[in-house]
Amino acid sequence: MGSGFRAPLICMLATLTIAAILPRSSALSQAKLLHRAAGARSVVPSTVLRSARPTTSTGGSVNGGAASGRRSRRAFDEGKPSFPGWKREEIDRLTGWAVSDESNRPIICEYEPDAFWLWTKWRGTVLRLVLAPVLISAISSGMLDALVHYLSSSDWPMLAVPPAEDPIVMQLQGVNKLYGYELTLCTFILTFFTAEAYKHWRNIYFTTRAIQGRINDICLLVTIGAERGDCDEVGCGNEAEFDGIVQGATTGYSEAGAKLVDKCTRMVKLSHTFFWSATPTCSNGVGDEGLEDGDHAPDVDMRHDPESIQQKAIGPLLLSPEGLQELVSVGQLTKEERSALLNSGLDPSQYCYILLQWVGLHVMNGLRTGAMTGGNGLEENVLRQITSLRAEYFTIGDNTAGRMPLAYVQLVQVLVDSLCILAPFAIYPELGTLSIPATALLTLFFKGLLELSKSFLDPFGNEGYPGQNIRVDVLVSELNFGASSRWVNAGESFPYNEFYY
């Protein structure tokens, strides 16, 4: 082999070796190194560089303009899958997720009020979150007890209180005074911190329910205002000639009314699905692998595996051209609607708002053509519900982005950690060997409250706290049933009434 070929080949092999041992997060650097090693004029494909960019899950405001919004838009990369190796089966799985109308688990991890049942639970509790700190505190207390016994000139029984006049114990008394001041301050601040974190969780939860409520209101109003079928003594509309329905039959919708109902309910349902697809969540039935309640089910802890969360994101694939095409094939979108979405010039994360606007336009057009009755009053009410739904959508991102200032969280973390570190030294002069279980209990309570608070601040599991997650797949399936079946069938089953016609 000529020397002209050896240098590029050796360089290529060396680069591949380096790339193999680099962490996965440096994929972009690997692509650039490969390009330089090739020594040719060819350019690394943009799809490689795009897939190599680290994606960012943010809960920032959806109204655009902020840095978090820009990071979120880059993650979608104009609708293309943001991770390599996606397969057809994954699209089918996400399509099933989008159209499901049956939930297979509760909206949150449920409990039973029985004391014994609560004492025996493990997964989804603070016991699991703080087991390691509790054990470390107990071991530290045990080592301190053994060290004091070894170094002290005094002697006392194992479970007795150490003599106060012992020099080592007297030195620890000063730590006890500092601990007392910090204990009061930490208890006060941590109590309010936990209350504020739970308030954030409740606000997010009730906002998700408010989103469902506004969509149900829109579907209810559309089905009420849709034009009814023609009824007489023989039957109602086209059903009469086929089923021989007599007086007292259901009226159903007119042909134009049925088309309007189907179109509006389908679009508002997809708007909800697209919103949660674009919102960074791990508790969506995909990222958390459909985590079930109970200690029998395998646990999922991704606090130390953020790449796994990114690779299981729904939006980049479901909202891609391939994902939209699959929705067309199952009848959730039309070809024209898919083309309009892709040609809108907006990021896929904005598709939910496009569909929302289309619903309003179809309602106003139906009122103009007669496919919907009710006049200005109905139109004003429907549009008010649409704008309220838009506001609830934005609230999710706004509340997530402003959940808690960094300085507040850091202060509480430092307070709790320092309190737990001082506990073995501060409690020992008063309890002796009994400080071992006492320190473990204090660590369980204070660290447990802190970790519980941080799990409340992560209601969708994006930071790896699965215990208190709000399960998005349940929200989607519940709404799909309401929008597709409840109100449509209720409006269609209105009985014939001679005074109505």
Protein backbone atom coordinates (compact mmCIF):
# COMPACT_ATOMS: atom_id res chain seq x y z
CA MET A 1 0.00 0.00 0.00
CA GLY A 2 1.41 3.38 -0.98
CA SER A 3 2.43 5.92 1.57
CA GLY A 4 -0.16 8.26 0.12
CA PHE A 5 -2.88 5.96 1.46
CA ARG A 6 -1.28 5.03 4.80
CA ALA A 7 -1.49 8.40 6.51
CA PRO A 8 -5.22 8.96 5.93
CA LEU A 9 -5.97 5.35 6.89
CA ILE A 10 -3.93 5.51 10.11
CA CYS A 11 -5.58 8.82 10.94
CA MET A 12 -9.00 7.31 10.29
CA LEU A 13 -8.31 4.28 12.54
CA ALA A 14 -6.99 6.48 15.32
CA THR A 15 -10.02 8.71 15.11
CA LEU A 16 -12.40 5.75 15.19
CA THR A 17 -10.62 4.42 18.29
CA ILE A 18 -10.96 7.76 20.05
CA ALA A 19 -14.60 8.02 19.01
CA ALA A 20 -15.33 4.55 20.39
CA ILE A 21 -14.20 5.46 23.90
CA LEU A 22 -15.76 8.92 24.00
CA PRO A 23 -19.05 9.23 25.88
CA ARG A 24 -22.23 9.22 23.85
CA SER A 25 -22.91 12.86 24.70
CA SER A 26 -19.95 13.86 22.50
CA ALA A 27 -21.49 12.53 19.30
CA LEU A 28 -21.14 15.87 17.58
CA SER A 29 -17.39 15.92 18.23
CA GLN A 30 -17.12 12.39 16.87
CA ALA A 31 -18.80 13.40 13.62
CA LYS A 32 -16.46 16.35 13.19
CA LEU A 33 -13.38 14.19 13.87
CA LEU A 34 -14.47 11.65 11.30
CA HIS A 35 -14.92 14.41 8.77
CA ARG A 36 -11.44 15.80 9.40
CA ALA A 37 -9.86 12.36 9.28
CA ALA A 38 -11.35 11.62 5.88
CA GLY A 39 -9.25 14.43 4.40
CA ALA A 40 -11.71 14.76 1.55
CA ARG A 41 -13.94 17.56 0.41
CA SER A 42 -17.08 15.68 1.29
CA VAL A 43 -19.17 17.23 4.07
CA VAL A 44 -20.61 15.37 7.04
CA PRO A 45 -24.32 14.91 6.30
CA SER A 46 -26.42 17.45 8.10
CA THR A 47 -28.66 14.66 9.41
CA VAL A 48 -25.67 13.19 11.28
CA LEU A 49 -24.80 16.51 12.83
CA ARG A 50 -28.41 17.14 13.73
CA SER A 51 -28.82 13.75 15.40
CA ALA A 52 -25.54 14.31 17.21
CA ARG A 53 -26.71 17.51 18.84
CA PRO A 54 -27.67 16.94 22.46
CA THR A 55 -31.41 17.50 22.78
CA THR A 56 -32.77 19.51 25.65
CA SER A 57 -35.99 18.90 27.51
CA THR A 58 -37.29 22.16 28.81
CA GLY A 59 -40.54 23.15 30.35
CA GLY A 60 -40.25 26.74 29.23
CA SER A 61 -43.02 28.97 28.16
CA VAL A 62 -44.57 28.13 24.82
CA ASN A 63 -45.02 31.72 23.73
CA GLY A 64 -41.59 31.82 22.11
CA GLY A 65 -38.71 34.25 22.35
CA ALA A 66 -36.94 32.65 25.34
CA ALA A 67 -33.77 30.61 25.22
CA SER A 68 -35.64 27.56 26.48
CA GLY A 69 -38.05 27.85 23.58
CA ARG A 70 -35.17 27.93 21.11
CA ARG A 71 -33.66 24.82 22.65
CA SER A 72 -37.01 23.07 22.48
CA ARG A 73 -37.43 23.95 18.82
CA ARG A 74 -33.97 22.67 17.95
CA ALA A 75 -34.84 19.35 19.57
CA PHE A 76 -37.62 18.82 17.04
CA ASP A 77 -35.30 19.72 14.16
CA GLU A 78 -38.08 20.62 11.78
CA GLY A 79 -40.10 17.51 12.50
CA LYS A 80 -37.38 14.91 11.89
CA PRO A 81 -36.63 12.20 14.47
CA SER A 82 -34.09 13.53 16.97
CA PHE A 83 -32.47 10.20 17.73
CA PRO A 84 -30.94 7.57 15.44
CA GLY A 85 -32.29 4.08 14.95
CA TRP A 86 -36.01 4.80 15.02
CA LYS A 87 -38.09 2.05 13.46
CA ARG A 88 -41.47 1.55 11.93
CA GLU A 89 -42.66 -0.32 15.02
CA GLU A 90 -42.02 2.76 17.15
CA ILE A 91 -44.22 4.90 14.89
CA ASP A 92 -46.97 2.30 15.15
CA ARG A 93 -46.61 2.30 18.92
CA LEU A 94 -46.84 6.07 19.16
CA THR A 95 -49.83 6.12 16.80
CA GLY A 96 -51.60 3.67 19.10
CA TRP A 97 -50.70 5.94 22.00
CA ALA A 98 -52.21 8.93 20.19
CA VAL A 99 -55.55 7.28 19.39
CA SER A 100 -56.05 5.19 22.54
CA ASP A 101 -59.26 5.87 24.45
CA GLU A 102 -58.73 3.40 27.31
CA SER A 103 -56.37 4.11 30.20
CA ASN A 104 -54.54 1.16 31.76
CA ARG A 105 -53.44 2.84 35.00
CA PRO A 106 -54.51 5.64 37.38
CA ILE A 107 -53.61 9.25 36.66
CA ILE A 108 -51.23 9.27 39.69
CA CYS A 109 -49.84 6.65 42.03
CA GLU A 110 -52.78 5.84 44.32
CA TYR A 111 -52.79 4.79 47.96
CA GLU A 112 -54.92 2.98 50.52
CA PRO A 113 -55.59 4.65 53.88
CA ASP A 114 -54.78 1.49 55.84
CA ALA A 115 -51.74 2.06 58.08
CA PHE A 116 -50.23 -1.39 57.56
CA TRP A 117 -50.54 -1.03 53.78
CA LEU A 118 -48.78 2.33 53.89
CA TRP A 119 -45.97 1.03 56.13
CA THR A 120 -45.21 -1.80 53.69
CA LYS A 121 -44.92 0.32 50.53
CA TRP A 122 -41.57 0.95 48.90
CA ARG A 123 -41.79 2.23 45.32
CA GLY A 124 -43.04 5.79 44.97
CA THR A 125 -42.19 6.66 48.59
CA VAL A 126 -39.46 8.70 50.25
CA LEU A 127 -38.03 5.50 51.70
CA ARG A 128 -36.72 4.57 48.30
CA LEU A 129 -35.41 8.07 47.62
CA VAL A 130 -33.38 8.46 50.82
CA LEU A 131 -32.27 4.93 51.68
CA ALA A 132 -28.63 5.65 50.84
CA PRO A 133 -28.38 8.88 52.92
CA VAL A 134 -30.07 7.17 55.87
CA LEU A 135 -27.61 4.27 55.80
CA ILE A 136 -24.65 6.63 55.48
CA SER A 137 -25.85 8.66 58.48
CA ALA A 138 -26.29 5.53 60.58
CA ILE A 139 -22.85 4.22 59.63
CA SER A 140 -21.28 7.60 60.38
CA SER A 141 -22.91 7.67 63.81
CA GLY A 142 -21.69 4.16 64.53
CA MET A 143 -18.13 5.05 63.53
CA LEU A 144 -18.27 8.18 65.73
CA ASP A 145 -19.47 6.14 68.70
CA ALA A 146 -16.65 3.63 68.26
CA LEU A 147 -14.07 6.39 67.86
CA VAL A 148 -15.20 8.27 70.98
CA HIS A 149 -15.13 5.05 73.01
CA TYR A 150 -11.63 4.34 71.73
CA LEU A 151 -10.16 7.81 72.34
CA SER A 152 -11.92 8.70 75.58
CA SER A 153 -10.25 8.17 78.94
CA SER A 154 -13.65 7.54 80.52
CA ASP A 155 -15.64 4.35 80.33
CA TRP A 156 -19.44 3.94 80.24
CA PRO A 157 -21.92 1.23 79.24
CA MET A 158 -22.84 0.78 75.60
CA LEU A 159 -26.37 2.30 75.73
CA ALA A 160 -25.68 4.81 78.50
CA VAL A 161 -25.37 8.58 78.05
CA PRO A 162 -21.70 9.64 77.78
CA PRO A 163 -20.34 11.49 80.85
CA ALA A 164 -20.69 15.25 80.35
CA GLU A 165 -17.26 15.93 81.91
CA ASP A 166 -15.43 13.84 79.33
CA PRO A 167 -13.17 16.17 77.24
CA ILE A 168 -14.31 14.79 73.89
CA VAL A 169 -17.97 14.97 74.86
CA MET A 170 -17.49 18.55 76.08
CA GLN A 171 -16.11 19.53 72.67
CA LEU A 172 -19.13 18.01 70.97
CA GLN A 173 -21.43 20.11 73.18
CA GLY A 174 -20.48 23.19 71.12
CA VAL A 175 -21.60 21.43 67.96
CA ASN A 176 -24.89 20.67 69.69
CA LYS A 177 -25.60 24.39 70.23
CA LEU A 178 -24.94 25.19 66.56
CA TYR A 179 -27.14 22.26 65.60
CA GLY A 180 -30.00 23.59 67.71
CA TYR A 181 -30.01 26.92 65.89
CA GLU A 182 -29.82 25.29 62.48
CA LEU A 183 -32.51 22.74 63.36
CA THR A 184 -35.03 25.50 64.04
CA LEU A 185 -34.17 27.40 60.88
CA CYS A 186 -34.13 24.29 58.68
CA THR A 187 -37.46 23.02 60.03
CA PHE A 188 -39.14 26.35 59.34
CA ILE A 189 -37.76 26.80 55.83
CA LEU A 190 -38.18 23.17 54.76
CA THR A 191 -41.81 23.16 55.87
CA PHE A 192 -42.66 26.12 53.65
CA PHE A 193 -40.52 24.78 50.82
CA THR A 194 -42.46 21.51 50.81
CA ALA A 195 -45.76 23.39 50.89
CA GLU A 196 -44.74 25.55 47.91
CA ALA A 197 -43.50 22.52 45.96
CA TYR A 198 -46.79 20.71 46.56
CA LYS A 199 -48.67 23.82 45.52
CA HIS A 200 -46.75 23.78 42.23
CA TRP A 201 -47.64 20.12 41.71
CA ARG A 202 -51.33 20.80 42.38
CA ASN A 203 -51.34 23.77 40.02
CA ILE A 204 -49.90 21.61 37.23
CA TYR A 205 -52.35 18.79 37.95
CA PHE A 206 -55.42 21.01 37.96
CA THR A 207 -54.20 22.73 34.81
CA THR A 208 -54.07 19.36 33.04
CA ARG A 209 -57.63 18.76 34.17
CA ALA A 210 -58.65 22.26 33.10
CA ILE A 211 -57.28 21.52 29.61
CA GLN A 212 -59.49 18.44 29.47
CA GLY A 213 -62.42 20.48 30.74
CA ARG A 214 -62.10 23.18 28.07
CA ILE A 215 -61.90 20.57 25.30
CA ASN A 216 -64.96 18.78 26.66
CA ASP A 217 -66.78 22.13 26.73
CA ILE A 218 -65.88 22.75 23.08
CA CYS A 219 -67.10 19.28 22.05
CA LEU A 220 -70.30 19.72 24.07
CA LEU A 221 -71.07 23.07 22.45
CA VAL A 222 -70.31 21.81 18.95
CA THR A 223 -72.55 18.76 19.32
CA ILE A 224 -75.35 20.88 20.80
CA GLY A 225 -75.18 23.42 17.99
CA ALA A 226 -74.77 20.94 15.11
CA GLU A 227 -77.70 20.88 12.70
CA ARG A 228 -80.15 18.07 13.41
CA GLY A 229 -81.46 15.54 10.91
CA ASP A 230 -84.92 15.88 9.36
CA CYS A 231 -87.63 14.02 11.29
CA ASP A 232 -91.29 13.26 10.55
CA GLU A 233 -93.82 10.59 11.49
CA VAL A 234 -91.82 7.98 9.58
CA GLY A 235 -88.40 8.53 10.99
CA CYS A 236 -85.37 10.77 11.14
CA GLY A 237 -83.11 11.67 8.26
CA ASN A 238 -81.52 8.97 6.19
CA GLU A 239 -81.94 6.40 8.93
CA ALA A 240 -85.67 6.08 8.22
CA GLU A 241 -85.37 4.45 4.81
CA PHE A 242 -82.86 1.89 6.09
CA ASP A 243 -84.08 1.02 9.58
CA GLY A 244 -87.76 1.90 9.39
CA ILE A 245 -87.47 4.06 12.49
CA VAL A 246 -90.90 5.20 13.68
CA GLN A 247 -91.93 8.26 15.62
CA GLY A 248 -89.89 8.49 18.82
CA ALA A 249 -86.63 7.59 17.09
CA THR A 250 -83.42 9.49 17.66
CA THR A 251 -82.85 12.49 15.43
CA GLY A 252 -79.14 12.24 14.72
CA TYR A 253 -77.21 14.95 12.91
CA SER A 254 -77.79 16.20 9.43
CA GLU A 255 -75.16 15.27 6.88
CA ALA A 256 -73.50 18.69 7.12
CA GLY A 257 -73.81 18.70 10.91
CA ALA A 258 -72.27 15.23 11.22
CA LYS A 259 -69.28 16.27 9.10
CA LEU A 260 -68.75 19.39 11.18
CA VAL A 261 -68.96 17.46 14.46
CA ASP A 262 -66.53 14.83 13.24
CA LYS A 263 -64.07 17.41 11.97
CA CYS A 264 -64.12 19.66 15.04
CA THR A 265 -63.96 16.88 17.63
CA ARG A 266 -61.18 15.12 15.73
CA MET A 267 -59.09 18.27 15.44
CA VAL A 268 -59.50 19.40 19.04
CA LYS A 269 -58.65 15.88 20.19
CA LEU A 270 -55.50 15.87 18.06
CA SER A 271 -54.61 19.31 19.36
CA HIS A 272 -54.55 17.86 22.86
CA THR A 273 -52.47 14.88 21.72
CA PHE A 274 -50.01 17.07 19.84
CA PHE A 275 -49.64 19.38 22.83
CA TRP A 276 -48.57 16.56 25.13
CA SER A 277 -46.38 15.10 22.41
CA ALA A 278 -44.51 18.40 22.16
CA THR A 279 -44.34 18.95 25.93
CA PRO A 280 -41.25 17.35 27.54
CA THR A 281 -42.58 14.53 29.70
CA CYS A 282 -41.30 11.19 30.86
CA SER A 283 -44.54 10.02 32.48
CA ASN A 284 -46.24 9.46 29.13
CA GLY A 285 -46.44 5.67 28.95
CA VAL A 286 -43.39 5.60 26.68
CA GLY A 287 -40.61 7.26 28.65
CA ASP A 288 -41.63 5.48 31.86
CA GLU A 289 -42.54 2.27 30.01
CA GLY A 290 -46.12 2.36 31.29
CA LEU A 291 -45.04 2.16 34.93
CA GLU A 292 -47.68 0.41 37.02
CA ASP A 293 -48.51 0.88 40.69
CA GLY A 294 -47.34 -1.62 43.27
CA ASP A 295 -44.00 -3.00 44.42
CA HIS A 296 -44.38 -6.05 42.17
CA ALA A 297 -43.72 -3.97 39.04
CA PRO A 298 -40.13 -3.20 37.99
CA ASP A 299 -39.05 0.29 39.00
CA VAL A 300 -37.83 2.99 36.63
CA ASP A 301 -35.25 5.48 37.88
CA MET A 302 -33.74 7.77 35.25
CA ARG A 303 -32.29 10.44 37.49
CA HIS A 304 -28.85 9.37 36.33
CA ASP A 305 -29.82 8.49 32.75
CA PRO A 306 -31.09 11.67 31.06
CA GLU A 307 -30.20 10.36 27.59
CA SER A 308 -32.77 7.60 28.04
CA ILE A 309 -35.45 10.22 28.64
CA GLN A 310 -34.44 12.14 25.53
CA GLN A 311 -34.48 9.05 23.32
CA LYS A 312 -37.99 8.15 24.46
CA ALA A 313 -39.46 11.56 23.65
CA ILE A 314 -42.71 11.32 21.71
CA GLY A 315 -42.83 14.63 19.83
CA PRO A 316 -39.82 14.30 17.50
CA LEU A 317 -41.22 11.12 15.98
CA LEU A 318 -45.01 11.47 16.22
CA LEU A 319 -44.91 15.04 14.86
CA SER A 320 -42.46 14.19 12.09
CA PRO A 321 -43.67 13.84 8.48
CA GLU A 322 -43.57 10.06 8.93
CA GLY A 323 -45.60 10.24 12.12
CA LEU A 324 -48.19 12.53 10.55
CA GLN A 325 -48.45 10.17 7.59
CA GLU A 326 -49.24 7.32 9.95
CA LEU A 327 -52.00 9.44 11.52
CA VAL A 328 -53.38 9.94 8.02
CA SER A 329 -53.41 6.18 7.48
CA VAL A 330 -55.47 5.61 10.64
CA GLY A 331 -57.95 8.37 9.78
CA GLN A 332 -56.91 10.94 12.36
CA LEU A 333 -55.69 13.42 9.75
CA THR A 334 -56.44 14.03 6.10
CA LYS A 335 -53.75 14.37 3.46
CA GLU A 336 -54.65 18.01 3.01
CA GLU A 337 -54.38 18.69 6.74
CA ARG A 338 -50.99 16.96 6.91
CA SER A 339 -49.68 19.04 4.01
CA ALA A 340 -51.03 22.22 5.58
CA LEU A 341 -49.27 21.46 8.86
CA LEU A 342 -45.95 20.70 7.20
CA ASN A 343 -46.18 23.77 4.98
CA SER A 344 -47.22 26.13 7.76
CA GLY A 345 -43.63 27.20 8.38
CA LEU A 346 -44.10 26.63 12.12
CA ASP A 347 -42.22 24.28 14.38
CA PRO A 348 -43.95 20.92 15.08
CA SER A 349 -44.39 22.02 18.70
CA GLN A 350 -46.88 24.61 17.39
CA TYR A 351 -49.10 22.13 15.51
CA CYS A 352 -51.50 21.92 18.46
CA TYR A 353 -52.25 25.64 18.14
CA ILE A 354 -52.76 25.38 14.38
CA LEU A 355 -55.41 22.71 14.93
CA LEU A 356 -57.01 24.83 17.62
CA GLN A 357 -57.35 27.73 15.22
CA TRP A 358 -58.78 25.47 12.56
CA VAL A 359 -61.51 24.38 14.98
CA GLY A 360 -62.57 27.98 15.47
CA LEU A 361 -62.59 28.62 11.73
CA HIS A 362 -64.72 25.52 11.07
CA VAL A 363 -67.20 26.56 13.77
CA MET A 364 -67.62 30.04 12.28
CA ASN A 365 -67.95 28.58 8.80
CA GLY A 366 -70.57 26.11 10.04
CA LEU A 367 -72.60 28.93 11.54
CA ARG A 368 -72.45 30.78 8.25
CA THR A 369 -73.48 27.77 6.10
CA GLY A 370 -76.12 26.43 8.48
CA ALA A 371 -74.26 23.25 9.50
CA MET A 372 -74.37 24.71 13.02
CA THR A 373 -77.17 26.67 14.63
CA GLY A 374 -77.16 28.88 17.69
CA GLY A 375 -76.17 32.27 16.34
CA ASN A 376 -73.79 34.74 17.86
CA GLY A 377 -74.25 33.44 21.39
CA LEU A 378 -72.98 29.96 20.53
CA GLU A 379 -70.15 31.36 18.43
CA GLU A 380 -69.00 33.64 21.25
CA ASN A 381 -69.12 30.79 23.77
CA VAL A 382 -67.15 28.37 21.59
CA LEU A 383 -64.49 30.96 20.83
CA ARG A 384 -64.21 31.81 24.52
CA GLN A 385 -63.58 28.15 25.33
CA ILE A 386 -60.95 27.96 22.58
CA THR A 387 -59.08 30.96 23.90
CA SER A 388 -59.33 29.58 27.45
CA LEU A 389 -57.86 26.31 26.21
CA ARG A 390 -54.99 28.22 24.62
CA ALA A 391 -54.34 29.92 27.94
CA GLU A 392 -54.29 26.58 29.79
CA TYR A 393 -51.81 25.20 27.25
CA PHE A 394 -49.49 28.11 27.90
CA THR A 395 -49.91 27.76 31.67
CA ILE A 396 -48.22 24.34 31.67
CA GLY A 397 -45.03 25.74 30.12
CA ASP A 398 -45.10 28.95 32.14
CA ASN A 399 -45.51 27.18 35.49
CA THR A 400 -42.81 24.65 34.65
CA ALA A 401 -40.36 27.36 33.62
CA GLY A 402 -40.91 29.39 36.79
CA ARG A 403 -41.41 26.58 39.25
CA MET A 404 -38.74 27.66 41.79
CA PRO A 405 -35.72 30.01 41.78
CA LEU A 406 -32.28 28.40 41.91
CA ALA A 407 -31.16 30.31 45.02
CA TYR A 408 -34.14 29.06 47.03
CA VAL A 409 -33.58 25.40 46.12
CA GLN A 410 -29.84 25.66 46.73
CA LEU A 411 -30.34 27.24 50.17
CA VAL A 412 -32.71 24.49 51.27
CA GLN A 413 -30.36 21.82 49.93
CA VAL A 414 -27.38 23.28 51.83
CA LEU A 415 -29.43 23.64 55.03
CA VAL A 416 -30.67 20.06 54.98
CA ASP A 417 -27.32 18.55 54.02
CA SER A 418 -25.42 20.48 56.70
CA LEU A 419 -28.05 19.54 59.28
CA CYS A 420 -27.71 15.85 58.45
CA ILE A 421 -23.89 16.08 58.54
CA LEU A 422 -23.90 17.75 61.95
CA ALA A 423 -26.52 15.41 63.42
CA PRO A 424 -24.18 12.55 64.51
CA PHE A 425 -21.82 14.95 66.29
CA ALA A 426 -24.57 17.10 67.84
CA ILE A 427 -26.79 14.30 69.15
CA TYR A 428 -24.06 12.04 70.50
CA PRO A 429 -23.39 13.94 73.78
CA GLU A 430 -27.04 13.51 74.78
CA LEU A 431 -27.80 10.02 73.46
CA GLY A 432 -24.54 8.17 73.07
CA THR A 433 -24.95 4.94 71.12
CA LEU A 434 -28.67 5.64 70.69
CA SER A 435 -27.67 8.50 68.40
CA ILE A 436 -27.23 5.90 65.64
CA PRO A 437 -30.99 5.21 65.12
CA ALA A 438 -31.83 8.82 66.05
CA THR A 439 -29.56 10.19 63.34
CA ALA A 440 -31.03 7.75 60.82
CA LEU A 441 -34.56 8.94 61.67
CA LEU A 442 -33.63 12.61 61.40
CA THR A 443 -32.02 11.99 58.03
CA LEU A 444 -35.10 10.09 56.86
CA PHE A 445 -37.42 12.95 57.80
CA PHE A 446 -35.38 15.93 56.61
CA LYS A 447 -33.85 14.38 53.51
CA GLY A 448 -37.16 12.68 52.79
CA LEU A 449 -39.06 15.97 52.86
CA LEU A 450 -36.44 17.58 50.61
CA GLU A 451 -36.52 14.77 48.05
CA LEU A 452 -40.31 14.68 48.19
CA SER A 453 -40.38 18.42 47.51
CA LYS A 454 -38.09 18.02 44.50
CA SER A 455 -40.31 15.24 43.17
CA PHE A 456 -43.28 17.62 43.46
CA LEU A 457 -41.30 20.09 41.35
CA ASP A 458 -40.89 17.38 38.69
CA PRO A 459 -44.52 16.38 37.99
CA PHE A 460 -43.72 14.77 34.63
CA GLY A 461 -40.58 12.88 35.60
CA ASN A 462 -38.19 14.79 33.35
CA GLU A 463 -35.56 14.79 36.12
CA GLY A 464 -36.05 11.15 37.00
CA TYR A 465 -38.52 11.33 39.90
CA PRO A 466 -41.20 8.76 38.93
CA GLY A 467 -43.08 8.58 42.24
CA GLN A 468 -45.30 11.66 42.01
CA ASN A 469 -45.70 11.84 38.24
CA ILE A 470 -48.85 12.96 36.47
CA ARG A 471 -49.34 10.32 33.78
CA VAL A 472 -49.81 11.96 30.43
CA ASP A 473 -50.95 8.83 28.59
CA VAL A 474 -53.94 8.65 30.94
CA LEU A 475 -54.82 12.27 30.17
CA VAL A 476 -54.67 11.56 26.43
CA SER A 477 -56.77 8.38 26.56
CA GLU A 478 -59.40 9.97 28.84
CA LEU A 479 -59.77 12.95 26.53
CA ASN A 480 -59.86 10.78 23.43
CA PHE A 481 -62.89 8.96 24.81
CA GLY A 482 -64.64 12.18 25.77
CA ALA A 483 -64.04 13.92 22.45
CA SER A 484 -64.69 10.91 20.23
CA SER A 485 -67.56 9.16 21.98
CA ARG A 486 -69.21 10.84 24.95
CA TRP A 487 -70.51 14.08 23.45
CA VAL A 488 -70.87 12.85 19.87
CA ASN A 489 -73.01 9.88 20.85
CA ALA A 490 -74.99 11.90 23.38
CA GLY A 491 -75.92 14.50 20.78
CA GLU A 492 -76.75 11.88 18.20
CA SER A 493 -79.13 10.01 20.52
CA PHE A 494 -81.46 12.97 21.08
CA PRO A 495 -84.99 11.50 20.84
CA TYR A 496 -87.54 12.72 18.32
CA ASN A 497 -89.79 15.44 19.76
CA GLU A 498 -92.65 16.84 17.70
CA PHE A 499 -92.41 20.17 19.51
CA TYR A 500 -88.72 20.43 18.63
CA TYR A 501 -89.46 20.21 14.93
